Amino acid sequence: ATTLTLTLMSTVIKLDSSAQAHIQAYWEYKNIVGDTDGGKLLSEEEYAKRRKEAFENQKNRVYVTWLNENNLECRAVGPSSKCFCGHKFRDHDSCNKQKKVSCKISKCKCKLFEYIPIRGSQDLKCHCKHSYKFHNITSRKCNKKHPVKGLCRCHGFVSSFGCPCGQPFSAHYTLFETRKERQKAGKRVDNLGMGTGMGCAALGGITTFSSLLDGVDRVPQMLQQTNPPISDLQMQFIRPKQKLTEEEEMALYARKYEKTSSYADLQNQQAISQNELCIQPENMQMRHRHS
């Protein structure tokens, strides 16, 4: 039996093969069922049925990505990616042949998955300074109420989120593709887990482990996948800026200091010349009296 050793800070956790199997089963359950069980664990018969359907639905898998105006796939949507409705992608109908990826959570009014670029406990705020959670799913109006001013006057969600590609949040959109459409565009259609996808049909746009990176970090791969291809001029705007070395930073600050000091010297020279002009008539009067 193999033993898995995990080191967390100063704590060492050892897991035998039985514990590893339980953890694997837990993640498989979360990826297949998600939060659609309403917090109540499914029976073994119900879960077996869901699991079988998930493996079959991988054939109808919908590939979901978040693109900018240059057709660069900035983010690949995965099982835990958040929608504007607040639920994860795995809680949506990710196997719909008509690409109508609606939310499956009870009483949720979300009719189509819309990706928001947050991870973990991050939040996405509007220009009204309120979270996306306070905005209506359909109208995008803010529902946040102030105790004195009343309802927020925001008429639509607009975020100042800055994508690493250099374009704003409003310049991006969520793209849904079928397997045939993606193959026609020359994009990858592989699954993780030796092609099984861990039994999860809600893998979205994740095809390889590099799909977890931002688009600008996958530029060499994206150059081959984007349609139409990205031009050299567009690449100048989406390529990450190279970090300056310590010598280059010192030289940059030195040039700024030289400009500041030279400007200060010029101001001092002007002040001295003005003082000389003011003193000169008095000196002339003094000389005239002595003469």
C-alpha atoms as a PDB file:
ATOM      1  CA  ALA A   1       0.000   0.000   0.000  1.00  0.00           C
ATOM      2  CA  THR A   2       1.291   3.452  -0.950  1.00  0.00           C
ATOM      3  CA  THR A   3       1.363   6.260   1.611  1.00  0.00           C
ATOM      4  CA  LEU A   4       0.947   9.918   0.699  1.00  0.00           C
ATOM      5  CA  THR A   5       2.818  12.380   2.923  1.00  0.00           C
ATOM      6  CA  LEU A   6       1.646  15.992   3.127  1.00  0.00           C
ATOM      7  CA  THR A   7       3.586  18.712   4.922  1.00  0.00           C
ATOM      8  CA  LEU A   8       1.531  21.730   6.005  1.00  0.00           C
ATOM      9  CA  MET A   9       3.668  24.315   7.802  1.00  0.00           C
ATOM     10  CA  SER A  10       5.149  22.242  10.651  1.00  0.00           C
ATOM     11  CA  THR A  11       2.454  19.550  10.542  1.00  0.00           C
ATOM     12  CA  VAL A  12       3.055  16.276   8.708  1.00  0.00           C
ATOM     13  CA  ILE A  13      -0.009  14.344   7.544  1.00  0.00           C
ATOM     14  CA  LYS A  14       0.316  10.793   6.239  1.00  0.00           C
ATOM     15  CA  LEU A  15      -2.483   9.254   4.174  1.00  0.00           C
ATOM     16  CA  ASP A  16      -2.677   5.592   3.336  1.00  0.00           C
ATOM     17  CA  SER A  17      -4.287   4.237   0.174  1.00  0.00           C
ATOM     18  CA  SER A  18      -7.694   3.949   1.853  1.00  0.00           C
ATOM     19  CA  ALA A  19      -7.719   7.608   2.934  1.00  0.00           C
ATOM     20  CA  GLN A  20      -6.567   8.692  -0.525  1.00  0.00           C
ATOM     21  CA  ALA A  21      -9.457   6.774  -2.070  1.00  0.00           C
ATOM     22  CA  HIS A  22     -11.940   8.549   0.210  1.00  0.00           C
ATOM     23  CA  ILE A  23     -10.519  11.976  -0.681  1.00  0.00           C
ATOM     24  CA  GLN A  24     -10.631  11.102  -4.377  1.00  0.00           C
ATOM     25  CA  ALA A  25     -14.267   9.991  -4.010  1.00  0.00           C
ATOM     26  CA  TYR A  26     -15.137  13.253  -2.229  1.00  0.00           C
ATOM     27  CA  TRP A  27     -13.718  15.459  -4.993  1.00  0.00           C
ATOM     28  CA  GLU A  28     -15.389  13.348  -7.649  1.00  0.00           C
ATOM     29  CA  TYR A  29     -18.714  13.785  -5.848  1.00  0.00           C
ATOM     30  CA  LYS A  30     -18.228  17.579  -5.616  1.00  0.00           C
ATOM     31  CA  ASN A  31     -17.298  17.839  -9.295  1.00  0.00           C
ATOM     32  CA  ILE A  32     -20.289  15.796 -10.452  1.00  0.00           C
ATOM     33  CA  VAL A  33     -23.003  16.857  -7.993  1.00  0.00           C
ATOM     34  CA  GLY A  34     -21.702  20.208  -6.749  1.00  0.00           C
ATOM     35  CA  ASP A  35     -24.229  22.070  -4.602  1.00  0.00           C
ATOM     36  CA  THR A  36     -27.246  20.806  -6.529  1.00  0.00           C
ATOM     37  CA  ASP A  37     -27.990  18.276  -3.764  1.00  0.00           C
ATOM     38  CA  GLY A  38     -29.158  21.115  -1.525  1.00  0.00           C
ATOM     39  CA  GLY A  39     -26.729  20.118   1.217  1.00  0.00           C
ATOM     40  CA  LYS A  40     -28.214  16.633   1.552  1.00  0.00           C
ATOM     41  CA  LEU A  41     -25.977  13.752   0.507  1.00  0.00           C
ATOM     42  CA  LEU A  42     -27.353  11.696  -2.366  1.00  0.00           C
ATOM     43  CA  SER A  43     -27.990   8.009  -1.892  1.00  0.00           C
ATOM     44  CA  GLU A  44     -25.610   5.530  -3.469  1.00  0.00           C
ATOM     45  CA  GLU A  45     -28.196   4.667  -6.152  1.00  0.00           C
ATOM     46  CA  GLU A  46     -28.823   8.324  -7.036  1.00  0.00           C
ATOM     47  CA  TYR A  47     -25.110   9.125  -7.112  1.00  0.00           C
ATOM     48  CA  ALA A  48     -24.340   6.082  -9.268  1.00  0.00           C
ATOM     49  CA  LYS A  49     -26.951   7.292 -11.748  1.00  0.00           C
ATOM     50  CA  ARG A  50     -25.510  10.821 -11.743  1.00  0.00           C
ATOM     51  CA  ARG A  51     -21.985   9.483 -12.172  1.00  0.00           C
ATOM     52  CA  LYS A  52     -22.981   7.338 -15.155  1.00  0.00           C
ATOM     53  CA  GLU A  53     -24.735  10.313 -16.769  1.00  0.00           C
ATOM     54  CA  ALA A  54     -21.671  12.498 -16.175  1.00  0.00           C
ATOM     55  CA  PHE A  55     -19.385  10.111 -18.086  1.00  0.00           C
ATOM     56  CA  GLU A  56     -21.901   9.926 -20.941  1.00  0.00           C
ATOM     57  CA  ASN A  57     -22.417  13.701 -20.987  1.00  0.00           C
ATOM     58  CA  GLN A  58     -18.713  14.299 -21.570  1.00  0.00           C
ATOM     59  CA  LYS A  59     -19.455  13.629 -25.240  1.00  0.00           C
ATOM     60  CA  ASN A  60     -21.734  16.694 -25.221  1.00  0.00           C
ATOM     61  CA  ARG A  61     -19.339  18.772 -23.159  1.00  0.00           C
ATOM     62  CA  VAL A  62     -19.563  22.541 -23.623  1.00  0.00           C
ATOM     63  CA  TYR A  63     -16.197  24.333 -23.725  1.00  0.00           C
ATOM     64  CA  VAL A  64     -16.385  27.693 -21.956  1.00  0.00           C
ATOM     65  CA  THR A  65     -13.719  30.397 -22.052  1.00  0.00           C
ATOM     66  CA  TRP A  66     -13.460  34.115 -21.240  1.00  0.00           C
ATOM     67  CA  LEU A  67     -12.148  36.094 -24.224  1.00  0.00           C
ATOM     68  CA  ASN A  68     -11.141  39.698 -24.881  1.00  0.00           C
ATOM     69  CA  GLU A  69     -11.727  41.748 -28.034  1.00  0.00           C
ATOM     70  CA  ASN A  70      -8.631  40.217 -29.663  1.00  0.00           C
ATOM     71  CA  ASN A  71     -10.081  36.703 -29.235  1.00  0.00           C
ATOM     72  CA  LEU A  72      -7.436  35.873 -26.648  1.00  0.00           C
ATOM     73  CA  GLU A  73      -8.630  33.243 -24.165  1.00  0.00           C
ATOM     74  CA  CYS A  74      -7.761  35.142 -20.987  1.00  0.00           C
ATOM     75  CA  ARG A  75      -9.360  32.597 -18.665  1.00  0.00           C
ATOM     76  CA  ALA A  76     -10.495  29.000 -19.046  1.00  0.00           C
ATOM     77  CA  VAL A  77     -13.673  28.279 -17.098  1.00  0.00           C
ATOM     78  CA  GLY A  78     -13.413  25.316 -14.733  1.00  0.00           C
ATOM     79  CA  PRO A  79     -15.734  23.471 -12.335  1.00  0.00           C
ATOM     80  CA  SER A  80     -15.185  26.006  -9.527  1.00  0.00           C
ATOM     81  CA  SER A  81     -15.384  29.140 -11.709  1.00  0.00           C
ATOM     82  CA  LYS A  82     -17.981  31.617 -10.471  1.00  0.00           C
ATOM     83  CA  CYS A  83     -20.986  32.890 -12.404  1.00  0.00           C
ATOM     84  CA  PHE A  84     -22.605  36.302 -11.933  1.00  0.00           C
ATOM     85  CA  CYS A  85     -25.415  34.494 -10.133  1.00  0.00           C
ATOM     86  CA  GLY A  86     -22.927  33.495  -7.426  1.00  0.00           C
ATOM     87  CA  HIS A  87     -22.958  29.763  -8.180  1.00  0.00           C
ATOM     88  CA  LYS A  88     -20.119  27.717  -9.632  1.00  0.00           C
ATOM     89  CA  PHE A  89     -19.892  26.382 -13.154  1.00  0.00           C
ATOM     90  CA  ARG A  90     -20.353  22.791 -11.998  1.00  0.00           C
ATOM     91  CA  ASP A  91     -23.806  23.848 -10.700  1.00  0.00           C
ATOM     92  CA  HIS A  92     -24.860  24.742 -14.260  1.00  0.00           C
ATOM     93  CA  ASP A  93     -26.107  22.600 -17.139  1.00  0.00           C
ATOM     94  CA  SER A  94     -22.683  22.167 -18.727  1.00  0.00           C
ATOM     95  CA  CYS A  95     -23.797  19.407 -21.126  1.00  0.00           C
ATOM     96  CA  ASN A  96     -26.536  21.276 -22.957  1.00  0.00           C
ATOM     97  CA  LYS A  97     -26.194  20.672 -26.710  1.00  0.00           C
ATOM     98  CA  GLN A  98     -27.838  24.047 -27.454  1.00  0.00           C
ATOM     99  CA  LYS A  99     -25.210  25.733 -25.230  1.00  0.00           C
ATOM    100  CA  LYS A 100     -27.938  27.013 -22.900  1.00  0.00           C
ATOM    101  CA  VAL A 101     -25.839  26.688 -19.764  1.00  0.00           C
ATOM    102  CA  SER A 102     -28.429  27.636 -17.128  1.00  0.00           C
ATOM    103  CA  CYS A 103     -28.092  27.261 -13.358  1.00  0.00           C
ATOM    104  CA  LYS A 104     -29.439  24.088 -11.775  1.00  0.00           C
ATOM    105  CA  ILE A 105     -29.627  25.445  -8.228  1.00  0.00           C
ATOM    106  CA  SER A 106     -33.206  25.606  -6.970  1.00  0.00           C
ATOM    107  CA  LYS A 107     -34.880  29.065  -7.240  1.00  0.00           C
ATOM    108  CA  CYS A 108     -31.909  30.582  -9.093  1.00  0.00           C
ATOM    109  CA  LYS A 109     -33.006  32.823 -11.989  1.00  0.00           C
ATOM    110  CA  CYS A 110     -29.752  32.494 -13.931  1.00  0.00           C
ATOM    111  CA  LYS A 111     -30.533  31.429 -17.507  1.00  0.00           C
ATOM    112  CA  LEU A 112     -26.998  31.557 -18.911  1.00  0.00           C
ATOM    113  CA  PHE A 113     -23.611  31.220 -17.255  1.00  0.00           C
ATOM    114  CA  GLU A 114     -21.616  34.472 -17.218  1.00  0.00           C
ATOM    115  CA  TYR A 115     -18.062  34.210 -15.961  1.00  0.00           C
ATOM    116  CA  ILE A 116     -16.675  36.673 -13.432  1.00  0.00           C
ATOM    117  CA  PRO A 117     -12.869  36.782 -12.988  1.00  0.00           C
ATOM    118  CA  ILE A 118     -12.564  35.959  -9.294  1.00  0.00           C
ATOM    119  CA  ARG A 119     -10.905  33.063  -7.513  1.00  0.00           C
ATOM    120  CA  GLY A 120     -11.331  31.762  -4.006  1.00  0.00           C
ATOM    121  CA  SER A 121     -12.600  34.447  -1.616  1.00  0.00           C
ATOM    122  CA  GLN A 122     -12.036  37.318  -4.056  1.00  0.00           C
ATOM    123  CA  ASP A 123     -14.800  39.799  -4.827  1.00  0.00           C
ATOM    124  CA  LEU A 124     -15.731  41.806  -7.921  1.00  0.00           C
ATOM    125  CA  LYS A 125     -17.073  45.286  -7.260  1.00  0.00           C
ATOM    126  CA  CYS A 126     -18.966  47.749  -9.421  1.00  0.00           C
ATOM    127  CA  HIS A 127     -18.211  51.456  -9.862  1.00  0.00           C
ATOM    128  CA  CYS A 128     -20.929  52.043  -7.261  1.00  0.00           C
ATOM    129  CA  LYS A 129     -18.509  50.337  -4.809  1.00  0.00           C
ATOM    130  CA  HIS A 130     -20.902  47.453  -4.179  1.00  0.00           C
ATOM    131  CA  SER A 131     -20.215  43.774  -4.814  1.00  0.00           C
ATOM    132  CA  TYR A 132     -21.646  41.899  -7.772  1.00  0.00           C
ATOM    133  CA  LYS A 133     -23.672  39.949  -5.201  1.00  0.00           C
ATOM    134  CA  PHE A 134     -25.887  43.018  -4.636  1.00  0.00           C
ATOM    135  CA  HIS A 135     -26.710  43.362  -8.344  1.00  0.00           C
ATOM    136  CA  ASN A 136     -29.730  41.805 -10.020  1.00  0.00           C
ATOM    137  CA  ILE A 137     -28.931  38.733 -12.120  1.00  0.00           C
ATOM    138  CA  THR A 138     -30.982  39.834 -15.144  1.00  0.00           C
ATOM    139  CA  SER A 139     -31.142  43.657 -15.041  1.00  0.00           C
ATOM    140  CA  ARG A 140     -27.680  44.102 -13.408  1.00  0.00           C
ATOM    141  CA  LYS A 141     -29.120  46.965 -11.294  1.00  0.00           C
ATOM    142  CA  CYS A 142     -27.786  47.373  -7.766  1.00  0.00           C
ATOM    143  CA  ASN A 143     -30.148  46.318  -4.959  1.00  0.00           C
ATOM    144  CA  LYS A 144     -28.008  47.659  -2.123  1.00  0.00           C
ATOM    145  CA  LYS A 145     -29.933  49.966   0.224  1.00  0.00           C
ATOM    146  CA  HIS A 146     -28.379  52.775   2.248  1.00  0.00           C
ATOM    147  CA  PRO A 147     -29.984  53.525   5.650  1.00  0.00           C
ATOM    148  CA  VAL A 148     -30.248  57.231   4.780  1.00  0.00           C
ATOM    149  CA  LYS A 149     -29.883  57.627   1.004  1.00  0.00           C
ATOM    150  CA  GLY A 150     -32.078  54.658   0.172  1.00  0.00           C
ATOM    151  CA  LEU A 151     -31.659  52.383  -2.866  1.00  0.00           C
ATOM    152  CA  CYS A 152     -28.405  52.663  -4.827  1.00  0.00           C
ATOM    153  CA  ARG A 153     -28.744  54.642  -8.069  1.00  0.00           C
ATOM    154  CA  CYS A 154     -26.534  52.230 -10.041  1.00  0.00           C
ATOM    155  CA  HIS A 155     -28.372  51.197 -13.233  1.00  0.00           C
ATOM    156  CA  GLY A 156     -25.949  48.497 -14.373  1.00  0.00           C
ATOM    157  CA  PHE A 157     -22.887  46.577 -13.237  1.00  0.00           C
ATOM    158  CA  VAL A 158     -19.644  48.152 -14.474  1.00  0.00           C
ATOM    159  CA  SER A 159     -16.344  46.991 -13.016  1.00  0.00           C
ATOM    160  CA  SER A 160     -12.894  48.575 -13.146  1.00  0.00           C
ATOM    161  CA  PHE A 161     -11.263  45.124 -12.985  1.00  0.00           C
ATOM    162  CA  GLY A 162      -8.010  45.109 -14.937  1.00  0.00           C
ATOM    163  CA  CYS A 163      -7.229  41.917 -16.815  1.00  0.00           C
ATOM    164  CA  PRO A 164      -3.541  40.983 -17.279  1.00  0.00           C
ATOM    165  CA  CYS A 165      -4.133  41.314 -21.036  1.00  0.00           C
ATOM    166  CA  GLY A 166      -4.491  45.073 -20.539  1.00  0.00           C
ATOM    167  CA  GLN A 167      -8.169  45.327 -21.477  1.00  0.00           C
ATOM    168  CA  PRO A 168     -10.992  46.216 -19.061  1.00  0.00           C
ATOM    169  CA  PHE A 169     -13.696  43.895 -17.763  1.00  0.00           C
ATOM    170  CA  SER A 170     -16.254  45.316 -20.215  1.00  0.00           C
ATOM    171  CA  ALA A 171     -14.080  44.272 -23.187  1.00  0.00           C
ATOM    172  CA  HIS A 172     -14.454  40.566 -22.349  1.00  0.00           C
ATOM    173  CA  TYR A 173     -17.204  38.054 -22.989  1.00  0.00           C
ATOM    174  CA  THR A 174     -18.008  34.424 -22.188  1.00  0.00           C
ATOM    175  CA  LEU A 175     -17.740  32.062 -25.162  1.00  0.00           C
ATOM    176  CA  PHE A 176     -19.520  28.703 -25.436  1.00  0.00           C
ATOM    177  CA  GLU A 177     -18.248  26.141 -27.946  1.00  0.00           C
ATOM    178  CA  THR A 178     -19.157  22.582 -28.810  1.00  0.00           C
ATOM    179  CA  ARG A 179     -16.540  19.929 -29.474  1.00  0.00           C
ATOM    180  CA  LYS A 180     -17.004  20.225 -33.259  1.00  0.00           C
ATOM    181  CA  GLU A 181     -16.763  24.019 -33.198  1.00  0.00           C
ATOM    182  CA  ARG A 182     -13.584  23.880 -31.163  1.00  0.00           C
ATOM    183  CA  GLN A 183     -12.028  21.229 -33.379  1.00  0.00           C
ATOM    184  CA  LYS A 184     -12.888  23.309 -36.449  1.00  0.00           C
ATOM    185  CA  ALA A 185     -11.102  26.287 -34.896  1.00  0.00           C
ATOM    186  CA  GLY A 186      -8.030  24.119 -34.266  1.00  0.00           C
ATOM    187  CA  LYS A 187      -8.307  24.230 -30.482  1.00  0.00           C
ATOM    188  CA  ARG A 188      -7.665  21.479 -27.951  1.00  0.00           C
ATOM    189  CA  VAL A 189     -10.540  19.238 -26.905  1.00  0.00           C
ATOM    190  CA  ASP A 190      -8.693  16.898 -24.542  1.00  0.00           C
ATOM    191  CA  ASN A 191      -9.786  15.898 -21.058  1.00  0.00           C
ATOM    192  CA  LEU A 192      -7.672  15.590 -17.949  1.00  0.00           C
ATOM    193  CA  GLY A 193      -7.381  12.308 -16.050  1.00  0.00           C
ATOM    194  CA  MET A 194      -6.260  10.164 -19.010  1.00  0.00           C
ATOM    195  CA  GLY A 195      -9.186  11.416 -21.072  1.00  0.00           C
ATOM    196  CA  THR A 196     -11.814  10.680 -18.420  1.00  0.00           C
ATOM    197  CA  GLY A 197     -11.972  14.167 -16.969  1.00  0.00           C
ATOM    198  CA  MET A 198     -12.316  12.636 -13.486  1.00  0.00           C
ATOM    199  CA  GLY A 199     -15.930  11.905 -14.351  1.00  0.00           C
ATOM    200  CA  CYS A 200     -16.668  15.632 -14.441  1.00  0.00           C
ATOM    201  CA  ALA A 201     -18.486  16.975 -17.479  1.00  0.00           C
ATOM    202  CA  ALA A 202     -18.204  20.538 -16.116  1.00  0.00           C
ATOM    203  CA  LEU A 203     -14.547  20.984 -17.013  1.00  0.00           C
ATOM    204  CA  GLY A 204     -15.483  23.952 -19.195  1.00  0.00           C
ATOM    205  CA  GLY A 205     -12.452  25.243 -21.079  1.00  0.00           C
ATOM    206  CA  ILE A 206      -9.863  23.270 -19.107  1.00  0.00           C
ATOM    207  CA  THR A 207      -8.081  20.804 -21.372  1.00  0.00           C
ATOM    208  CA  THR A 208      -4.563  20.767 -19.890  1.00  0.00           C
ATOM    209  CA  PHE A 209      -2.964  21.924 -16.654  1.00  0.00           C
ATOM    210  CA  SER A 210      -1.673  25.025 -18.484  1.00  0.00           C
ATOM    211  CA  SER A 211      -5.319  26.028 -18.965  1.00  0.00           C
ATOM    212  CA  LEU A 212      -5.261  27.172 -15.340  1.00  0.00           C
ATOM    213  CA  LEU A 213      -2.890  30.018 -16.289  1.00  0.00           C
ATOM    214  CA  ASP A 214      -3.970  33.418 -17.568  1.00  0.00           C
ATOM    215  CA  GLY A 215      -4.045  33.920 -21.316  1.00  0.00           C
ATOM    216  CA  VAL A 216      -1.021  36.231 -21.370  1.00  0.00           C
ATOM    217  CA  ASP A 217       0.990  33.489 -19.669  1.00  0.00           C
ATOM    218  CA  ARG A 218      -0.079  31.045 -22.393  1.00  0.00           C
ATOM    219  CA  VAL A 219       0.677  33.373 -25.314  1.00  0.00           C
ATOM    220  CA  PRO A 220       2.864  30.872 -27.261  1.00  0.00           C
ATOM    221  CA  GLN A 221       0.012  28.327 -27.203  1.00  0.00           C
ATOM    222  CA  MET A 222      -2.716  30.892 -27.816  1.00  0.00           C
ATOM    223  CA  LEU A 223      -0.946  32.182 -30.929  1.00  0.00           C
ATOM    224  CA  GLN A 224      -1.646  28.812 -32.516  1.00  0.00           C
ATOM    225  CA  GLN A 225      -5.240  28.581 -31.269  1.00  0.00           C
ATOM    226  CA  THR A 226      -6.718  32.061 -31.774  1.00  0.00           C
ATOM    227  CA  ASN A 227      -8.827  32.671 -34.851  1.00  0.00           C
ATOM    228  CA  PRO A 228      -8.110  35.128 -36.445  1.00  0.00           C
ATOM    229  CA  PRO A 229      -4.445  35.108 -35.360  1.00  0.00           C
ATOM    230  CA  ILE A 230      -3.120  37.929 -33.191  1.00  0.00           C
ATOM    231  CA  SER A 231      -1.025  40.501 -35.034  1.00  0.00           C
ATOM    232  CA  ASP A 232       2.394  41.723 -33.858  1.00  0.00           C
ATOM    233  CA  LEU A 233       0.899  45.127 -33.013  1.00  0.00           C
ATOM    234  CA  GLN A 234      -1.774  43.539 -30.805  1.00  0.00           C
ATOM    235  CA  MET A 235       0.888  41.415 -29.132  1.00  0.00           C
ATOM    236  CA  GLN A 236       2.594  44.597 -27.877  1.00  0.00           C
ATOM    237  CA  PHE A 237      -0.495  45.384 -25.815  1.00  0.00           C
ATOM    238  CA  ILE A 238      -1.252  41.900 -24.436  1.00  0.00           C
ATOM    239  CA  ARG A 239       2.298  40.744 -23.711  1.00  0.00           C
ATOM    240  CA  PRO A 240       3.265  41.239 -20.038  1.00  0.00           C
ATOM    241  CA  LYS A 241       5.794  44.001 -19.439  1.00  0.00           C
ATOM    242  CA  GLN A 242       9.294  42.819 -18.643  1.00  0.00           C
ATOM    243  CA  LYS A 243      10.373  43.497 -15.067  1.00  0.00           C
ATOM    244  CA  LEU A 244      13.251  45.966 -14.700  1.00  0.00           C
ATOM    245  CA  THR A 245      16.500  44.896 -13.103  1.00  0.00           C
ATOM    246  CA  GLU A 246      17.823  46.638 -10.006  1.00  0.00           C
ATOM    247  CA  GLU A 247      20.418  48.563 -12.082  1.00  0.00           C
ATOM    248  CA  GLU A 248      17.729  49.727 -14.539  1.00  0.00           C
ATOM    249  CA  GLU A 249      15.483  50.902 -11.711  1.00  0.00           C
ATOM    250  CA  MET A 250      18.346  52.839 -10.099  1.00  0.00           C
ATOM    251  CA  ALA A 251      19.176  54.436 -13.444  1.00  0.00           C
ATOM    252  CA  LEU A 252      15.528  55.402 -13.903  1.00  0.00           C
ATOM    253  CA  TYR A 253      15.346  57.050 -10.496  1.00  0.00           C
ATOM    254  CA  ALA A 254      18.701  58.764 -11.116  1.00  0.00           C
ATOM    255  CA  ARG A 255      17.380  60.358 -14.316  1.00  0.00           C
ATOM    256  CA  LYS A 256      14.301  61.570 -12.473  1.00  0.00           C
ATOM    257  CA  TYR A 257      16.487  62.992  -9.700  1.00  0.00           C
ATOM    258  CA  GLU A 258      18.714  64.788 -12.202  1.00  0.00           C
ATOM    259  CA  LYS A 259      15.672  66.417 -13.789  1.00  0.00           C
ATOM    260  CA  THR A 260      14.400  67.517 -10.380  1.00  0.00           C
ATOM    261  CA  SER A 261      17.756  68.850  -9.235  1.00  0.00           C
ATOM    262  CA  SER A 262      18.392  70.713 -12.493  1.00  0.00           C
ATOM    263  CA  TYR A 263      14.952  72.320 -12.246  1.00  0.00           C
ATOM    264  CA  ALA A 264      15.700  73.341  -8.644  1.00  0.00           C
ATOM    265  CA  ASP A 265      19.055  74.833  -9.683  1.00  0.00           C
ATOM    266  CA  LEU A 266      17.311  76.859 -12.383  1.00  0.00           C
ATOM    267  CA  GLN A 267      14.819  78.197  -9.827  1.00  0.00           C
ATOM    268  CA  ASN A 268      17.661  79.197  -7.491  1.00  0.00           C
ATOM    269  CA  GLN A 269      19.495  80.993 -10.296  1.00  0.00           C
ATOM    270  CA  GLN A 270      16.354  82.928 -11.199  1.00  0.00           C
ATOM    271  CA  ALA A 271      15.823  83.895  -7.552  1.00  0.00           C
ATOM    272  CA  ILE A 272      19.426  85.102  -7.221  1.00  0.00           C
ATOM    273  CA  SER A 273      19.181  87.201 -10.381  1.00  0.00           C
ATOM    274  CA  GLN A 274      15.935  88.784  -9.162  1.00  0.00           C
ATOM    275  CA  ASN A 275      17.561  89.668  -5.837  1.00  0.00           C
ATOM    276  CA  GLU A 276      20.475  91.269  -7.649  1.00  0.00           C
ATOM    277  CA  LEU A 277      18.091  93.388  -9.688  1.00  0.00           C
ATOM    278  CA  CYS A 278      16.345  94.548  -6.534  1.00  0.00           C
ATOM    279  CA  ILE A 279      19.591  95.357  -4.726  1.00  0.00           C
ATOM    280  CA  GLN A 280      21.318  97.092  -7.660  1.00  0.00           C
ATOM    281  CA  PRO A 281      19.437 100.470  -7.473  1.00  0.00           C
ATOM    282  CA  GLU A 282      20.172 100.791  -3.748  1.00  0.00           C
ATOM    283  CA  ASN A 283      23.875 100.204  -4.398  1.00  0.00           C
ATOM    284  CA  MET A 284      23.844 102.858  -7.098  1.00  0.00           C
ATOM    285  CA  GLN A 285      22.256 105.397  -4.692  1.00  0.00           C
ATOM    286  CA  MET A 286      24.847 104.608  -2.034  1.00  0.00           C
ATOM    287  CA  ARG A 287      27.682 105.139  -4.522  1.00  0.00           C
ATOM    288  CA  HIS A 288      26.108 108.436  -5.673  1.00  0.00           C
ATOM    289  CA  ARG A 289      25.998 109.786  -2.090  1.00  0.00           C
ATOM    290  CA  HIS A 290      29.640 108.924  -1.416  1.00  0.00           C
ATOM    291  CA  SER A 291      30.689 110.593  -4.621  1.00  0.00           C
END
